[in-house]
Amino acid sequence: MPQILKETDIAALVSRREGLPKCIMEAMAMGLPVVASNVRGNRDLVENERTGFLVELGDISGLVRALERLILDRELRAAMGAAGRNKIQDYSLDRVLEEMSSIYERYL
C-alpha cells in the first residue's frame, strides 16, 4: 500500500457505512487529502475543509466539486495532506496503547 499511495494525489472513500476506516488512516499517514462520505468513522478522521472534504451520501455534484478543488489546487492538497498527517498521529500505536493502559489502570 505505501507504494501505491506514494503515486496518489487524493484518497477517496464514499461508502455508506464505516467503522474506523484503515484506508483513510493510511492515506492520512502518507500525507494525502481525503474526500469521504459524511458517515460515522469517516467523519471521526476527516475534518471537513481541514484534512479533506466530507460529502453527503448521494451528493454526486458535491463529490465532483470536492475532487475538482483538490485536483486544481496543489497547495490545498499539500495543506490538507499535512494537516491529515498531523491529525493521524493521535491514532498511532504508541498513543493508543498509552490510552488503553491508562484506562486499565483506572479501573483495576
N, C-alpha and C. Protein backbone atom coordinates (compact mmCIF):
# COMPACT_ATOMS: atom_id res chain seq x y z
N MET A 1 0.79 -1.21 0.00
CA MET A 1 0.00 0.00 0.00
C MET A 1 0.84 1.28 0.00
N PRO A 2 1.90 1.35 0.78
CA PRO A 2 2.67 2.60 0.76
C PRO A 2 3.13 3.00 -0.64
N GLN A 3 3.54 2.03 -1.45
CA GLN A 3 3.99 2.35 -2.81
C GLN A 3 2.85 2.89 -3.66
N ILE A 4 1.68 2.31 -3.54
CA ILE A 4 0.53 2.80 -4.29
C ILE A 4 0.16 4.20 -3.83
N LEU A 5 0.15 4.42 -2.53
CA LEU A 5 -0.21 5.73 -2.01
C LEU A 5 0.81 6.80 -2.37
N LYS A 6 2.07 6.42 -2.55
CA LYS A 6 3.09 7.39 -2.99
C LYS A 6 2.78 7.95 -4.37
N GLU A 7 2.09 7.16 -5.17
CA GLU A 7 1.75 7.56 -6.54
C GLU A 7 0.39 8.25 -6.62
N THR A 8 -0.23 8.50 -5.48
CA THR A 8 -1.60 9.01 -5.41
C THR A 8 -1.60 10.45 -4.93
N ASP A 9 -2.52 11.26 -5.46
CA ASP A 9 -2.65 12.66 -5.04
C ASP A 9 -3.78 12.87 -4.05
N ILE A 10 -4.84 12.07 -4.17
CA ILE A 10 -6.04 12.26 -3.36
C ILE A 10 -6.59 10.88 -3.01
N ALA A 11 -7.05 10.73 -1.78
CA ALA A 11 -7.72 9.49 -1.39
C ALA A 11 -9.22 9.76 -1.31
N ALA A 12 -10.02 8.78 -1.73
CA ALA A 12 -11.48 8.94 -1.68
C ALA A 12 -12.10 7.66 -1.13
N LEU A 13 -13.09 7.85 -0.28
CA LEU A 13 -13.86 6.72 0.26
C LEU A 13 -15.30 7.20 0.40
N VAL A 14 -16.16 6.69 -0.46
CA VAL A 14 -17.55 7.16 -0.48
C VAL A 14 -18.51 6.00 -0.16
N SER A 15 -18.24 5.34 0.94
CA SER A 15 -19.08 4.22 1.36
C SER A 15 -20.27 4.70 2.17
N ARG A 16 -21.25 3.83 2.31
CA ARG A 16 -22.46 4.15 3.07
C ARG A 16 -22.28 3.99 4.58
N ARG A 17 -21.41 3.04 4.98
CA ARG A 17 -21.16 2.78 6.40
C ARG A 17 -19.69 2.47 6.58
N GLU A 18 -19.17 2.90 7.73
CA GLU A 18 -17.78 2.60 8.07
C GLU A 18 -17.65 2.44 9.57
N GLY A 19 -16.60 1.73 9.96
CA GLY A 19 -16.19 1.68 11.35
C GLY A 19 -15.17 2.79 11.52
N LEU A 20 -13.92 2.42 11.63
CA LEU A 20 -12.82 3.37 11.61
C LEU A 20 -11.95 2.94 10.44
N PRO A 21 -12.13 3.57 9.28
CA PRO A 21 -11.54 3.08 8.04
C PRO A 21 -10.01 3.17 7.99
N LYS A 22 -9.40 2.01 7.95
CA LYS A 22 -7.93 1.93 7.89
C LYS A 22 -7.39 2.59 6.62
N CYS A 23 -8.14 2.50 5.52
CA CYS A 23 -7.64 3.10 4.27
C CYS A 23 -7.51 4.61 4.39
N ILE A 24 -8.41 5.26 5.12
CA ILE A 24 -8.28 6.71 5.34
C ILE A 24 -7.10 6.98 6.25
N MET A 25 -6.94 6.16 7.27
CA MET A 25 -5.81 6.34 8.19
C MET A 25 -4.49 6.21 7.43
N GLU A 26 -4.39 5.23 6.55
CA GLU A 26 -3.17 5.03 5.76
C GLU A 26 -2.93 6.22 4.84
N ALA A 27 -3.98 6.71 4.20
CA ALA A 27 -3.84 7.85 3.29
C ALA A 27 -3.38 9.09 4.05
N MET A 28 -3.97 9.33 5.21
CA MET A 28 -3.58 10.49 6.00
C MET A 28 -2.14 10.37 6.48
N ALA A 29 -1.73 9.18 6.86
CA ALA A 29 -0.35 8.96 7.30
C ALA A 29 0.64 9.24 6.17
N MET A 30 0.18 9.06 4.94
CA MET A 30 1.04 9.33 3.78
C MET A 30 0.92 10.77 3.30
N GLY A 31 0.14 11.59 4.01
CA GLY A 31 0.03 13.00 3.67
C GLY A 31 -0.92 13.30 2.53
N LEU A 32 -1.94 12.46 2.36
CA LEU A 32 -2.91 12.70 1.29
C LEU A 32 -4.17 13.36 1.84
N PRO A 33 -4.73 14.31 1.09
CA PRO A 33 -6.05 14.83 1.46
C PRO A 33 -7.09 13.75 1.16
N VAL A 34 -8.21 13.80 1.87
CA VAL A 34 -9.22 12.76 1.73
C VAL A 34 -10.57 13.38 1.37
N VAL A 35 -11.25 12.75 0.43
CA VAL A 35 -12.65 13.07 0.14
C VAL A 35 -13.43 11.83 0.56
N ALA A 36 -14.38 12.03 1.48
CA ALA A 36 -15.09 10.88 2.03
C ALA A 36 -16.56 11.21 2.25
N SER A 37 -17.37 10.16 2.25
CA SER A 37 -18.78 10.34 2.57
C SER A 37 -18.90 10.71 4.05
N ASN A 38 -19.89 11.53 4.33
CA ASN A 38 -20.09 12.04 5.69
C ASN A 38 -20.87 11.01 6.51
N VAL A 39 -20.15 9.96 6.90
CA VAL A 39 -20.72 8.90 7.73
C VAL A 39 -19.78 8.65 8.90
N ARG A 40 -20.35 8.01 9.95
CA ARG A 40 -19.56 7.67 11.14
C ARG A 40 -18.29 6.96 10.70
N GLY A 41 -17.23 7.16 11.37
CA GLY A 41 -15.95 6.57 11.01
C GLY A 41 -15.17 7.52 10.12
N ASN A 42 -15.72 7.84 8.96
CA ASN A 42 -15.07 8.80 8.07
C ASN A 42 -14.97 10.16 8.75
N ARG A 43 -16.10 10.61 9.33
CA ARG A 43 -16.08 11.94 9.94
C ARG A 43 -15.32 11.97 11.26
N ASP A 44 -15.02 10.79 11.82
CA ASP A 44 -14.15 10.75 13.00
C ASP A 44 -12.71 11.09 12.62
N LEU A 45 -12.36 10.82 11.38
CA LEU A 45 -10.99 11.05 10.92
C LEU A 45 -10.85 12.32 10.09
N VAL A 46 -11.75 12.54 9.16
CA VAL A 46 -11.64 13.66 8.22
C VAL A 46 -12.30 14.89 8.82
N GLU A 47 -11.54 15.97 8.94
CA GLU A 47 -12.08 17.25 9.38
C GLU A 47 -12.38 18.04 8.11
N ASN A 48 -13.67 18.27 7.88
CA ASN A 48 -14.10 18.92 6.64
C ASN A 48 -13.41 20.26 6.44
N GLU A 49 -12.82 20.43 5.27
CA GLU A 49 -12.10 21.62 4.84
C GLU A 49 -10.80 21.87 5.60
N ARG A 50 -10.36 20.88 6.38
CA ARG A 50 -9.05 20.98 7.03
C ARG A 50 -8.15 19.84 6.58
N THR A 51 -8.62 18.61 6.68
CA THR A 51 -7.82 17.46 6.25
C THR A 51 -8.38 16.84 4.97
N GLY A 52 -9.46 17.39 4.50
CA GLY A 52 -10.13 16.88 3.30
C GLY A 52 -11.54 17.42 3.24
N PHE A 53 -12.39 16.70 2.53
CA PHE A 53 -13.78 17.11 2.39
C PHE A 53 -14.71 15.95 2.72
N LEU A 54 -15.78 16.27 3.44
CA LEU A 54 -16.84 15.31 3.70
C LEU A 54 -18.01 15.66 2.80
N VAL A 55 -18.55 14.65 2.13
CA VAL A 55 -19.62 14.84 1.16
C VAL A 55 -20.81 13.99 1.60
N GLU A 56 -21.99 14.56 1.52
CA GLU A 56 -23.19 13.82 1.90
C GLU A 56 -23.43 12.65 0.94
N LEU A 57 -24.00 11.59 1.48
CA LEU A 57 -24.32 10.42 0.65
C LEU A 57 -25.22 10.84 -0.51
N GLY A 58 -24.90 10.38 -1.69
CA GLY A 58 -25.71 10.66 -2.87
C GLY A 58 -25.47 12.02 -3.50
N ASP A 59 -24.63 12.85 -2.91
CA ASP A 59 -24.36 14.18 -3.45
C ASP A 59 -23.23 14.10 -4.48
N ILE A 60 -23.60 13.67 -5.66
CA ILE A 60 -22.59 13.48 -6.72
C ILE A 60 -21.95 14.81 -7.11
N SER A 61 -22.74 15.88 -7.23
CA SER A 61 -22.14 17.16 -7.61
C SER A 61 -21.20 17.67 -6.51
N GLY A 62 -21.53 17.43 -5.25
CA GLY A 62 -20.64 17.81 -4.16
C GLY A 62 -19.35 17.02 -4.20
N LEU A 63 -19.44 15.75 -4.54
CA LEU A 63 -18.26 14.90 -4.68
C LEU A 63 -17.37 15.42 -5.81
N VAL A 64 -17.97 15.74 -6.92
CA VAL A 64 -17.22 16.27 -8.07
C VAL A 64 -16.55 17.59 -7.70
N ARG A 65 -17.28 18.49 -7.02
CA ARG A 65 -16.70 19.79 -6.62
C ARG A 65 -15.50 19.59 -5.69
N ALA A 66 -15.64 18.69 -4.73
CA ALA A 66 -14.53 18.44 -3.79
C ALA A 66 -13.31 17.91 -4.52
N LEU A 67 -13.52 16.95 -5.39
CA LEU A 67 -12.40 16.38 -6.15
C LEU A 67 -11.78 17.43 -7.07
N GLU A 68 -12.61 18.21 -7.74
CA GLU A 68 -12.09 19.26 -8.63
C GLU A 68 -11.24 20.27 -7.86
N ARG A 69 -11.71 20.69 -6.69
CA ARG A 69 -10.93 21.65 -5.89
C ARG A 69 -9.55 21.11 -5.60
N LEU A 70 -9.48 19.86 -5.21
CA LEU A 70 -8.18 19.27 -4.88
C LEU A 70 -7.33 19.02 -6.12
N ILE A 71 -7.96 18.60 -7.19
CA ILE A 71 -7.21 18.35 -8.43
C ILE A 71 -6.58 19.64 -8.93
N LEU A 72 -7.31 20.74 -8.85
CA LEU A 72 -6.86 22.00 -9.43
C LEU A 72 -5.96 22.83 -8.50
N ASP A 73 -5.88 22.46 -7.24
CA ASP A 73 -5.14 23.30 -6.28
C ASP A 73 -4.09 22.47 -5.53
N ARG A 74 -2.89 22.48 -6.07
CA ARG A 74 -1.78 21.72 -5.47
C ARG A 74 -1.49 22.17 -4.04
N GLU A 75 -1.56 23.48 -3.79
CA GLU A 75 -1.29 24.00 -2.44
C GLU A 75 -2.34 23.52 -1.44
N LEU A 76 -3.59 23.48 -1.85
CA LEU A 76 -4.66 22.98 -0.98
C LEU A 76 -4.44 21.51 -0.66
N ARG A 77 -4.06 20.72 -1.70
CA ARG A 77 -3.76 19.30 -1.47
C ARG A 77 -2.65 19.16 -0.44
N ALA A 78 -1.60 19.94 -0.59
CA ALA A 78 -0.46 19.84 0.33
C ALA A 78 -0.85 20.25 1.74
N ALA A 79 -1.61 21.33 1.87
CA ALA A 79 -2.01 21.81 3.20
C ALA A 79 -2.92 20.81 3.89
N MET A 80 -3.89 20.28 3.17
CA MET A 80 -4.81 19.30 3.76
C MET A 80 -4.06 18.00 4.08
N GLY A 81 -3.16 17.61 3.21
CA GLY A 81 -2.38 16.41 3.45
C GLY A 81 -1.52 16.54 4.70
N ALA A 82 -0.90 17.69 4.88
CA ALA A 82 -0.06 17.92 6.07
C ALA A 82 -0.92 17.93 7.33
N ALA A 83 -2.08 18.56 7.26
CA ALA A 83 -2.99 18.58 8.41
C ALA A 83 -3.46 17.18 8.76
N GLY A 84 -3.73 16.38 7.75
CA GLY A 84 -4.14 15.00 7.98
C GLY A 84 -3.04 14.16 8.60
N ARG A 85 -1.82 14.34 8.12
CA ARG A 85 -0.68 13.60 8.68
C ARG A 85 -0.49 13.95 10.15
N ASN A 86 -0.67 15.22 10.47
CA ASN A 86 -0.56 15.66 11.86
C ASN A 86 -1.69 15.06 12.71
N LYS A 87 -2.91 15.10 12.22
CA LYS A 87 -4.06 14.58 12.96
C LYS A 87 -3.95 13.08 13.21
N ILE A 88 -3.48 12.33 12.24
CA ILE A 88 -3.47 10.87 12.36
C ILE A 88 -2.47 10.39 13.40
N GLN A 89 -1.55 11.25 13.80
CA GLN A 89 -0.61 10.87 14.86
C GLN A 89 -1.33 10.56 16.16
N ASP A 90 -2.53 11.12 16.35
CA ASP A 90 -3.33 10.80 17.53
C ASP A 90 -3.75 9.33 17.56
N TYR A 91 -3.69 8.68 16.41
CA TYR A 91 -4.10 7.28 16.30
C TYR A 91 -2.90 6.33 16.19
N SER A 92 -1.71 6.82 16.49
CA SER A 92 -0.53 5.96 16.41
C SER A 92 -0.61 4.85 17.45
N LEU A 93 0.06 3.76 17.18
CA LEU A 93 0.03 2.62 18.09
C LEU A 93 0.50 3.02 19.49
N ASP A 94 1.55 3.81 19.58
CA ASP A 94 2.05 4.24 20.88
C ASP A 94 0.99 5.00 21.67
N ARG A 95 0.31 5.92 21.02
CA ARG A 95 -0.72 6.71 21.72
C ARG A 95 -1.92 5.86 22.11
N VAL A 96 -2.33 4.96 21.23
CA VAL A 96 -3.46 4.09 21.54
C VAL A 96 -3.13 3.17 22.71
N LEU A 97 -1.93 2.59 22.71
CA LEU A 97 -1.53 1.72 23.81
C LEU A 97 -1.43 2.49 25.13
N GLU A 98 -0.93 3.71 25.06
CA GLU A 98 -0.84 4.55 26.25
C GLU A 98 -2.23 4.84 26.81
N GLU A 99 -3.16 5.16 25.93
CA GLU A 99 -4.52 5.44 26.37
C GLU A 99 -5.19 4.19 26.95
N MET A 100 -5.00 3.04 26.30
CA MET A 100 -5.57 1.80 26.82
C MET A 100 -4.99 1.46 28.19
N SER A 101 -3.70 1.65 28.34
CA SER A 101 -3.04 1.39 29.62
C SER A 101 -3.63 2.28 30.70
N SER A 102 -3.87 3.54 30.39
CA SER A 102 -4.45 4.47 31.33
C SER A 102 -5.86 4.04 31.74
N ILE A 103 -6.62 3.56 30.80
CA ILE A 103 -7.97 3.09 31.11
C ILE A 103 -7.93 1.88 32.03
N TYR A 104 -7.05 0.91 31.71
CA TYR A 104 -6.95 -0.28 32.55
C TYR A 104 -6.50 0.08 33.96
N GLU A 105 -5.52 0.97 34.08
CA GLU A 105 -5.02 1.37 35.39
C GLU A 105 -6.12 2.05 36.22
N ARG A 106 -6.95 2.80 35.58
CA ARG A 106 -8.03 3.50 36.26
C ARG A 106 -9.04 2.53 36.87
N TYR A 107 -9.30 1.41 36.19
CA TYR A 107 -10.36 0.51 36.62
C TYR A 107 -9.85 -0.74 37.35
N LEU A 108 -8.55 -0.93 37.41
CA LEU A 108 -8.02 -2.10 38.12
C LEU A 108 -7.56 -1.77 39.51
